[in-house]
Amino acid sequence: MADRDVTRILQRVSGGNVSAVDELTSAVYAELRALAQAYLQRERPDHTLSATAVVHEAYLKLIDQSRSEYRDRRHFFAIAAQVMRRILVDHARARGSIKRGGRAERLMLSEGGAVLDDAGVDLVELDDTLVRLAQLNERQARIVELHFFGGLTLDEVADILGVSPRTVDAEWRMARWWLRRELSP
């Protein structure tokens, strides 16, 4: 579905049109599922959440009528990436607190431009580190979230953030360096 069409549906949802929620579901479900799968590909193989469960939980939060004022399709998917990350981090925190000293979730950070060289990183520790990065440089933290967690290309991230691909590439490299330094033993 065209960006313009999804934006119109989002505007109707924001206006309280209940029937537009069903339209939105069919318009964005496949992309949300792909986004959830991108997140889960970096999780451990025996993760207890499925992409479908993550999408359903995220979708309920995304269509909350009291908060749904999305500017456009890009804004919706940027927030979706953030919501899905929160769901996975909350799941990891809950799992880690089960029975004193519960097992920490390990996340493999290897991809084309690896954040860390094939090292397993605790998802909660990564989230805490991203929060610190956001305090230093909000855009770099958003780039990591959208590119690494959301599975978006750097060009797509540039489009969402409204900056040049060259800027995103430079900020991505800086963010990777900073994360590597902060997360390395």
C-alpha atoms as a PDB file:
ATOM      1  CA  MET A   1       0.000   0.000   0.000  1.00  0.00           C
ATOM      2  CA  ALA A   2       1.288   3.465  -0.862  1.00  0.00           C
ATOM      3  CA  ASP A   3       2.710   5.674   1.879  1.00  0.00           C
ATOM      4  CA  ARG A   4       0.034   8.270   1.170  1.00  0.00           C
ATOM      5  CA  ASP A   5      -2.777   5.721   1.653  1.00  0.00           C
ATOM      6  CA  VAL A   6      -1.390   4.493   4.978  1.00  0.00           C
ATOM      7  CA  THR A   7      -0.974   8.106   6.112  1.00  0.00           C
ATOM      8  CA  ARG A   8      -4.649   8.798   5.350  1.00  0.00           C
ATOM      9  CA  ILE A   9      -5.726   5.713   7.295  1.00  0.00           C
ATOM     10  CA  LEU A  10      -3.516   6.758  10.230  1.00  0.00           C
ATOM     11  CA  GLN A  11      -5.135  10.196  10.215  1.00  0.00           C
ATOM     12  CA  ARG A  12      -8.577   8.577  10.359  1.00  0.00           C
ATOM     13  CA  VAL A  13      -7.473   6.324  13.230  1.00  0.00           C
ATOM     14  CA  SER A  14      -6.098   9.383  15.055  1.00  0.00           C
ATOM     15  CA  GLY A  15      -9.457  11.064  14.520  1.00  0.00           C
ATOM     16  CA  GLY A  16     -11.208   8.214  16.323  1.00  0.00           C
ATOM     17  CA  ASN A  17     -12.579   6.368  13.285  1.00  0.00           C
ATOM     18  CA  VAL A  18     -12.968   2.820  14.616  1.00  0.00           C
ATOM     19  CA  SER A  19     -13.449   1.227  11.182  1.00  0.00           C
ATOM     20  CA  ALA A  20     -10.104   2.662  10.079  1.00  0.00           C
ATOM     21  CA  VAL A  21      -8.375   0.438  12.674  1.00  0.00           C
ATOM     22  CA  ASP A  22      -9.304  -2.669  10.634  1.00  0.00           C
ATOM     23  CA  GLU A  23      -8.044  -0.987   7.474  1.00  0.00           C
ATOM     24  CA  LEU A  24      -4.804  -0.115   9.212  1.00  0.00           C
ATOM     25  CA  THR A  25      -4.367  -3.700  10.345  1.00  0.00           C
ATOM     26  CA  SER A  26      -4.536  -5.064   6.817  1.00  0.00           C
ATOM     27  CA  ALA A  27      -2.363  -2.230   5.493  1.00  0.00           C
ATOM     28  CA  VAL A  28       0.557  -2.594   7.920  1.00  0.00           C
ATOM     29  CA  TYR A  29       0.432  -6.103   9.401  1.00  0.00           C
ATOM     30  CA  ALA A  30       2.906  -7.699   6.967  1.00  0.00           C
ATOM     31  CA  GLU A  31       5.445  -4.912   7.488  1.00  0.00           C
ATOM     32  CA  LEU A  32       5.064  -5.023  11.272  1.00  0.00           C
ATOM     33  CA  ARG A  33       5.593  -8.784  11.181  1.00  0.00           C
ATOM     34  CA  ALA A  34       8.751  -8.321   9.089  1.00  0.00           C
ATOM     35  CA  LEU A  35       9.972  -5.740  11.602  1.00  0.00           C
ATOM     36  CA  ALA A  36       9.295  -8.134  14.499  1.00  0.00           C
ATOM     37  CA  GLN A  37      11.105 -10.924  12.680  1.00  0.00           C
ATOM     38  CA  ALA A  38      14.100  -8.625  12.168  1.00  0.00           C
ATOM     39  CA  TYR A  39      14.189  -8.026  15.919  1.00  0.00           C
ATOM     40  CA  LEU A  40      13.819 -11.714  16.756  1.00  0.00           C
ATOM     41  CA  GLN A  41      16.548 -12.804  14.310  1.00  0.00           C
ATOM     42  CA  ARG A  42      19.030 -11.234  16.686  1.00  0.00           C
ATOM     43  CA  GLU A  43      17.585 -12.989  19.728  1.00  0.00           C
ATOM     44  CA  ARG A  44      18.620 -16.372  21.026  1.00  0.00           C
ATOM     45  CA  PRO A  45      17.131 -19.308  19.053  1.00  0.00           C
ATOM     46  CA  ASP A  46      14.888 -20.552  21.874  1.00  0.00           C
ATOM     47  CA  HIS A  47      13.243 -17.174  22.490  1.00  0.00           C
ATOM     48  CA  THR A  48       9.770 -17.612  23.969  1.00  0.00           C
ATOM     49  CA  LEU A  49       8.133 -14.766  22.050  1.00  0.00           C
ATOM     50  CA  SER A  50       7.108 -15.265  18.444  1.00  0.00           C
ATOM     51  CA  ALA A  51       7.022 -12.540  15.796  1.00  0.00           C
ATOM     52  CA  THR A  52       3.219 -12.816  15.827  1.00  0.00           C
ATOM     53  CA  ALA A  53       3.079 -12.271  19.603  1.00  0.00           C
ATOM     54  CA  VAL A  54       5.382  -9.252  19.361  1.00  0.00           C
ATOM     55  CA  VAL A  55       3.282  -7.773  16.523  1.00  0.00           C
ATOM     56  CA  HIS A  56       0.024  -8.286  18.391  1.00  0.00           C
ATOM     57  CA  GLU A  57       1.320  -6.746  21.599  1.00  0.00           C
ATOM     58  CA  ALA A  58       2.900  -3.837  19.726  1.00  0.00           C
ATOM     59  CA  TYR A  59      -0.174  -3.271  17.593  1.00  0.00           C
ATOM     60  CA  LEU A  60      -2.383  -2.949  20.662  1.00  0.00           C
ATOM     61  CA  LYS A  61      -0.071  -0.242  21.972  1.00  0.00           C
ATOM     62  CA  LEU A  62       0.218   1.459  18.590  1.00  0.00           C
ATOM     63  CA  ILE A  63      -3.511   1.852  18.019  1.00  0.00           C
ATOM     64  CA  ASP A  64      -4.290   3.115  21.499  1.00  0.00           C
ATOM     65  CA  GLN A  65      -6.815   5.818  20.590  1.00  0.00           C
ATOM     66  CA  SER A  66      -5.677   8.178  23.353  1.00  0.00           C
ATOM     67  CA  ARG A  67      -2.105   8.416  22.004  1.00  0.00           C
ATOM     68  CA  SER A  68      -2.282   7.693  18.290  1.00  0.00           C
ATOM     69  CA  GLU A  69      -1.316  10.872  16.495  1.00  0.00           C
ATOM     70  CA  TYR A  70       0.980   9.629  13.763  1.00  0.00           C
ATOM     71  CA  ARG A  71       2.185  12.186  11.248  1.00  0.00           C
ATOM     72  CA  ASP A  72       2.596   9.639   8.485  1.00  0.00           C
ATOM     73  CA  ARG A  73       3.526   6.060   7.635  1.00  0.00           C
ATOM     74  CA  ARG A  74       7.241   6.639   8.386  1.00  0.00           C
ATOM     75  CA  HIS A  75       6.431   8.072  11.802  1.00  0.00           C
ATOM     76  CA  PHE A  76       4.186   5.076  12.555  1.00  0.00           C
ATOM     77  CA  PHE A  77       6.910   2.551  11.686  1.00  0.00           C
ATOM     78  CA  ALA A  78       9.574   4.488  13.586  1.00  0.00           C
ATOM     79  CA  ILE A  79       7.387   4.315  16.684  1.00  0.00           C
ATOM     80  CA  ALA A  80       6.607   0.646  15.952  1.00  0.00           C
ATOM     81  CA  ALA A  81      10.340  -0.149  16.034  1.00  0.00           C
ATOM     82  CA  GLN A  82      10.612   1.596  19.386  1.00  0.00           C
ATOM     83  CA  VAL A  83       7.568  -0.208  20.831  1.00  0.00           C
ATOM     84  CA  MET A  84       8.856  -3.618  19.704  1.00  0.00           C
ATOM     85  CA  ARG A  85      12.249  -2.952  21.245  1.00  0.00           C
ATOM     86  CA  ARG A  86      10.533  -2.065  24.537  1.00  0.00           C
ATOM     87  CA  ILE A  87       8.481  -5.281  24.417  1.00  0.00           C
ATOM     88  CA  LEU A  88      11.594  -7.408  23.956  1.00  0.00           C
ATOM     89  CA  VAL A  89      13.555  -5.546  26.632  1.00  0.00           C
ATOM     90  CA  ASP A  90      10.664  -5.812  29.093  1.00  0.00           C
ATOM     91  CA  HIS A  91      10.443  -9.535  28.312  1.00  0.00           C
ATOM     92  CA  ALA A  92      14.192  -9.907  28.906  1.00  0.00           C
ATOM     93  CA  ARG A  93      13.999  -7.963  32.181  1.00  0.00           C
ATOM     94  CA  ALA A  94      11.104 -10.128  33.395  1.00  0.00           C
ATOM     95  CA  ARG A  95      12.900 -13.317  32.400  1.00  0.00           C
ATOM     96  CA  GLY A  96      16.080 -12.133  34.122  1.00  0.00           C
ATOM     97  CA  SER A  97      14.240 -11.465  37.373  1.00  0.00           C
ATOM     98  CA  ILE A  98      12.592 -14.892  37.532  1.00  0.00           C
ATOM     99  CA  LYS A  99      13.925 -16.843  40.485  1.00  0.00           C
ATOM    100  CA  ARG A 100      16.785 -14.698  41.773  1.00  0.00           C
ATOM    101  CA  GLY A 101      19.468 -14.227  39.204  1.00  0.00           C
ATOM    102  CA  GLY A 102      17.375 -15.463  36.306  1.00  0.00           C
ATOM    103  CA  ARG A 103      19.041 -16.140  33.003  1.00  0.00           C
ATOM    104  CA  ALA A 104      19.996 -13.011  31.084  1.00  0.00           C
ATOM    105  CA  GLU A 105      18.931 -12.728  27.462  1.00  0.00           C
ATOM    106  CA  ARG A 106      21.933 -12.730  25.113  1.00  0.00           C
ATOM    107  CA  LEU A 107      21.725 -10.919  21.814  1.00  0.00           C
ATOM    108  CA  MET A 108      24.115 -11.500  18.957  1.00  0.00           C
ATOM    109  CA  LEU A 109      25.261  -8.194  17.549  1.00  0.00           C
ATOM    110  CA  SER A 110      26.781  -9.435  14.340  1.00  0.00           C
ATOM    111  CA  GLU A 111      25.573  -8.062  11.041  1.00  0.00           C
ATOM    112  CA  GLY A 112      27.135  -6.366   8.028  1.00  0.00           C
ATOM    113  CA  GLY A 113      28.643  -3.568  10.116  1.00  0.00           C
ATOM    114  CA  ALA A 114      28.824  -5.400  13.408  1.00  0.00           C
ATOM    115  CA  VAL A 115      28.337  -3.321  16.518  1.00  0.00           C
ATOM    116  CA  LEU A 116      30.503  -5.821  18.360  1.00  0.00           C
ATOM    117  CA  ASP A 117      32.513  -8.543  16.728  1.00  0.00           C
ATOM    118  CA  ASP A 118      30.266 -11.619  17.079  1.00  0.00           C
ATOM    119  CA  ALA A 119      29.957 -11.061  20.815  1.00  0.00           C
ATOM    120  CA  GLY A 120      26.869 -11.973  22.765  1.00  0.00           C
ATOM    121  CA  VAL A 121      25.489  -8.960  24.590  1.00  0.00           C
ATOM    122  CA  ASP A 122      22.821  -8.906  27.250  1.00  0.00           C
ATOM    123  CA  LEU A 123      19.706  -7.259  25.779  1.00  0.00           C
ATOM    124  CA  VAL A 124      18.995  -5.355  28.991  1.00  0.00           C
ATOM    125  CA  GLU A 125      22.600  -4.095  29.109  1.00  0.00           C
ATOM    126  CA  LEU A 126      22.302  -3.017  25.464  1.00  0.00           C
ATOM    127  CA  ASP A 127      19.064  -1.183  26.213  1.00  0.00           C
ATOM    128  CA  ASP A 128      20.635   0.604  29.179  1.00  0.00           C
ATOM    129  CA  THR A 129      23.599   1.538  26.987  1.00  0.00           C
ATOM    130  CA  LEU A 130      21.283   2.868  24.263  1.00  0.00           C
ATOM    131  CA  VAL A 131      19.520   5.008  26.865  1.00  0.00           C
ATOM    132  CA  ARG A 132      22.913   6.494  27.799  1.00  0.00           C
ATOM    133  CA  LEU A 133      23.720   7.029  24.119  1.00  0.00           C
ATOM    134  CA  ALA A 134      20.392   8.832  23.649  1.00  0.00           C
ATOM    135  CA  GLN A 135      21.368  11.224  26.438  1.00  0.00           C
ATOM    136  CA  LEU A 136      24.577  12.010  24.542  1.00  0.00           C
ATOM    137  CA  ASN A 137      23.210  11.869  21.003  1.00  0.00           C
ATOM    138  CA  GLU A 138      19.518  11.166  20.428  1.00  0.00           C
ATOM    139  CA  ARG A 139      19.881  10.771  16.664  1.00  0.00           C
ATOM    140  CA  GLN A 140      22.621   8.161  16.956  1.00  0.00           C
ATOM    141  CA  ALA A 141      20.471   6.152  19.363  1.00  0.00           C
ATOM    142  CA  ARG A 142      17.520   6.349  16.932  1.00  0.00           C
ATOM    143  CA  ILE A 143      19.773   5.243  14.074  1.00  0.00           C
ATOM    144  CA  VAL A 144      20.879   2.176  16.053  1.00  0.00           C
ATOM    145  CA  GLU A 145      17.287   1.407  16.966  1.00  0.00           C
ATOM    146  CA  LEU A 146      15.932   1.754  13.436  1.00  0.00           C
ATOM    147  CA  HIS A 147      18.853   0.149  11.598  1.00  0.00           C
ATOM    148  CA  PHE A 148      19.959  -2.580  13.962  1.00  0.00           C
ATOM    149  CA  PHE A 149      16.726  -3.444  15.736  1.00  0.00           C
ATOM    150  CA  GLY A 150      14.251  -2.336  13.085  1.00  0.00           C
ATOM    151  CA  GLY A 151      16.172  -3.879  10.216  1.00  0.00           C
ATOM    152  CA  LEU A 152      15.831  -0.742   8.094  1.00  0.00           C
ATOM    153  CA  THR A 153      18.507   0.165   5.590  1.00  0.00           C
ATOM    154  CA  LEU A 154      20.557   3.286   6.238  1.00  0.00           C
ATOM    155  CA  ASP A 155      18.738   4.967   3.340  1.00  0.00           C
ATOM    156  CA  GLU A 156      15.374   4.161   4.957  1.00  0.00           C
ATOM    157  CA  VAL A 157      16.638   5.481   8.290  1.00  0.00           C
ATOM    158  CA  ALA A 158      17.777   8.689   6.574  1.00  0.00           C
ATOM    159  CA  ASP A 159      14.319   9.060   5.047  1.00  0.00           C
ATOM    160  CA  ILE A 160      12.574   8.570   8.400  1.00  0.00           C
ATOM    161  CA  LEU A 161      14.888  10.988  10.212  1.00  0.00           C
ATOM    162  CA  GLY A 162      14.848  13.535   7.392  1.00  0.00           C
ATOM    163  CA  VAL A 163      18.626  13.683   6.996  1.00  0.00           C
ATOM    164  CA  SER A 164      21.027  12.627   4.247  1.00  0.00           C
ATOM    165  CA  PRO A 165      22.175   9.006   3.922  1.00  0.00           C
ATOM    166  CA  ARG A 166      25.744  10.265   4.311  1.00  0.00           C
ATOM    167  CA  THR A 167      24.875  11.796   7.689  1.00  0.00           C
ATOM    168  CA  VAL A 168      23.225   8.565   8.819  1.00  0.00           C
ATOM    169  CA  ASP A 169      26.221   6.521   7.689  1.00  0.00           C
ATOM    170  CA  ALA A 170      28.640   8.739   9.626  1.00  0.00           C
ATOM    171  CA  GLU A 171      26.446   8.724  12.748  1.00  0.00           C
ATOM    172  CA  TRP A 172      25.964   4.927  12.481  1.00  0.00           C
ATOM    173  CA  ARG A 173      29.744   4.444  12.426  1.00  0.00           C
ATOM    174  CA  MET A 174      30.169   6.708  15.478  1.00  0.00           C
ATOM    175  CA  ALA A 175      27.352   4.969  17.361  1.00  0.00           C
ATOM    176  CA  ARG A 176      28.847   1.535  16.608  1.00  0.00           C
ATOM    177  CA  TRP A 177      32.238   2.680  17.874  1.00  0.00           C
ATOM    178  CA  TRP A 178      30.692   4.102  21.063  1.00  0.00           C
ATOM    179  CA  LEU A 179      28.605   0.951  21.683  1.00  0.00           C
ATOM    180  CA  ARG A 180      31.620  -1.284  21.082  1.00  0.00           C
ATOM    181  CA  ARG A 181      33.598   0.704  23.633  1.00  0.00           C
ATOM    182  CA  GLU A 182      30.800   0.739  26.216  1.00  0.00           C
ATOM    183  CA  LEU A 183      29.798  -2.911  25.864  1.00  0.00           C
ATOM    184  CA  SER A 184      33.226  -4.496  25.577  1.00  0.00           C
ATOM    185  CA  PRO A 185      34.491  -6.248  28.710  1.00  0.00           C
END
